[in-house]
Amino acid sequence: MDMEIGLFELILSLSFVVETVSSEVYNHHKRVTYIAFRIAEEMEIKRDEQINVAIVAAVHDIGVL
């Protein structure tokens, strides 16, 4: 069975796992991702770059855990 998962979906899944491991960061990644994405939007950065910004924001604290 072939199953394709996009990079953004994979990163969001990893972000969810991080949040379940530590209640101290619950929703933190989502908030940071949303804010970073909106800033990129306001800056009128190309859409694919906006998505890259969101991906980086979603995993920005992953090394802490």
C-alpha atoms as a PDB file:
ATOM      1  CA  MET A   1       0.000   0.000   0.000  1.00  0.00           C
ATOM      2  CA  ASP A   2       1.373   3.410  -1.026  1.00  0.00           C
ATOM      3  CA  MET A   3       0.876   6.176   1.449  1.00  0.00           C
ATOM      4  CA  GLU A   4       2.073   9.708   0.925  1.00  0.00           C
ATOM      5  CA  ILE A   5       2.415  12.195   3.736  1.00  0.00           C
ATOM      6  CA  GLY A   6       3.372  15.772   3.001  1.00  0.00           C
ATOM      7  CA  LEU A   7       6.240  17.410   4.826  1.00  0.00           C
ATOM      8  CA  PHE A   8       3.944  19.941   6.506  1.00  0.00           C
ATOM      9  CA  GLU A   9       1.640  17.198   7.803  1.00  0.00           C
ATOM     10  CA  LEU A  10       4.627  15.228   9.082  1.00  0.00           C
ATOM     11  CA  ILE A  11       6.020  18.256  10.920  1.00  0.00           C
ATOM     12  CA  LEU A  12       2.645  19.032  12.484  1.00  0.00           C
ATOM     13  CA  SER A  13       2.398  15.420  13.626  1.00  0.00           C
ATOM     14  CA  LEU A  14       5.825  15.644  15.242  1.00  0.00           C
ATOM     15  CA  SER A  15       4.795  18.888  16.876  1.00  0.00           C
ATOM     16  CA  PHE A  16       1.719  17.168  18.294  1.00  0.00           C
ATOM     17  CA  VAL A  17       3.875  14.370  19.719  1.00  0.00           C
ATOM     18  CA  VAL A  18       6.132  16.930  21.404  1.00  0.00           C
ATOM     19  CA  GLU A  19       3.089  18.576  22.971  1.00  0.00           C
ATOM     20  CA  THR A  20       1.837  15.276  24.351  1.00  0.00           C
ATOM     21  CA  VAL A  21       5.230  14.548  25.899  1.00  0.00           C
ATOM     22  CA  SER A  22       5.403  17.851  27.763  1.00  0.00           C
ATOM     23  CA  SER A  23       2.345  19.707  29.007  1.00  0.00           C
ATOM     24  CA  GLU A  24       4.535  22.771  29.537  1.00  0.00           C
ATOM     25  CA  VAL A  25       4.645  23.420  25.798  1.00  0.00           C
ATOM     26  CA  TYR A  26       1.011  22.557  25.069  1.00  0.00           C
ATOM     27  CA  ASN A  27      -0.179  24.607  22.074  1.00  0.00           C
ATOM     28  CA  HIS A  28       3.051  26.609  22.089  1.00  0.00           C
ATOM     29  CA  HIS A  29       4.151  25.221  18.713  1.00  0.00           C
ATOM     30  CA  LYS A  30       0.760  25.925  17.168  1.00  0.00           C
ATOM     31  CA  ARG A  31       0.759  29.514  18.392  1.00  0.00           C
ATOM     32  CA  VAL A  32       4.314  30.146  17.188  1.00  0.00           C
ATOM     33  CA  THR A  33       3.555  28.524  13.834  1.00  0.00           C
ATOM     34  CA  TYR A  34       0.415  30.623  13.344  1.00  0.00           C
ATOM     35  CA  ILE A  35       2.144  33.878  14.281  1.00  0.00           C
ATOM     36  CA  ALA A  36       5.159  33.169  12.073  1.00  0.00           C
ATOM     37  CA  PHE A  37       2.926  32.228   9.144  1.00  0.00           C
ATOM     38  CA  ARG A  38       0.864  35.399   9.506  1.00  0.00           C
ATOM     39  CA  ILE A  39       4.002  37.545   9.658  1.00  0.00           C
ATOM     40  CA  ALA A  40       5.275  35.877   6.467  1.00  0.00           C
ATOM     41  CA  GLU A  41       1.883  36.529   4.867  1.00  0.00           C
ATOM     42  CA  GLU A  42       1.963  40.197   5.833  1.00  0.00           C
ATOM     43  CA  MET A  43       5.465  40.475   4.408  1.00  0.00           C
ATOM     44  CA  GLU A  44       4.021  39.132   1.136  1.00  0.00           C
ATOM     45  CA  ILE A  45       6.588  36.356   0.944  1.00  0.00           C
ATOM     46  CA  LYS A  46       5.860  33.724  -1.722  1.00  0.00           C
ATOM     47  CA  ARG A  47       3.433  31.017  -0.568  1.00  0.00           C
ATOM     48  CA  ASP A  48       5.973  28.183  -0.643  1.00  0.00           C
ATOM     49  CA  GLU A  49       8.287  30.271   1.543  1.00  0.00           C
ATOM     50  CA  GLN A  50       5.386  30.991   3.916  1.00  0.00           C
ATOM     51  CA  ILE A  51       4.939  27.251   4.305  1.00  0.00           C
ATOM     52  CA  ASN A  52       8.665  26.840   4.972  1.00  0.00           C
ATOM     53  CA  VAL A  53       8.450  29.510   7.678  1.00  0.00           C
ATOM     54  CA  ALA A  54       5.526  27.632   9.238  1.00  0.00           C
ATOM     55  CA  ILE A  55       7.457  24.345   9.161  1.00  0.00           C
ATOM     56  CA  VAL A  56      10.496  25.859  10.858  1.00  0.00           C
ATOM     57  CA  ALA A  57       8.295  27.552  13.453  1.00  0.00           C
ATOM     58  CA  ALA A  58       6.505  24.272  14.192  1.00  0.00           C
ATOM     59  CA  VAL A  59       9.735  22.517  15.141  1.00  0.00           C
ATOM     60  CA  HIS A  60      11.717  25.407  16.574  1.00  0.00           C
ATOM     61  CA  ASP A  61      11.842  23.944  20.120  1.00  0.00           C
ATOM     62  CA  ILE A  62      12.028  20.246  19.265  1.00  0.00           C
ATOM     63  CA  GLY A  63      15.639  19.999  20.420  1.00  0.00           C
ATOM     64  CA  VAL A  64      14.717  21.151  23.927  1.00  0.00           C
ATOM     65  CA  LEU A  65      12.927  17.882  24.640  1.00  0.00           C
END
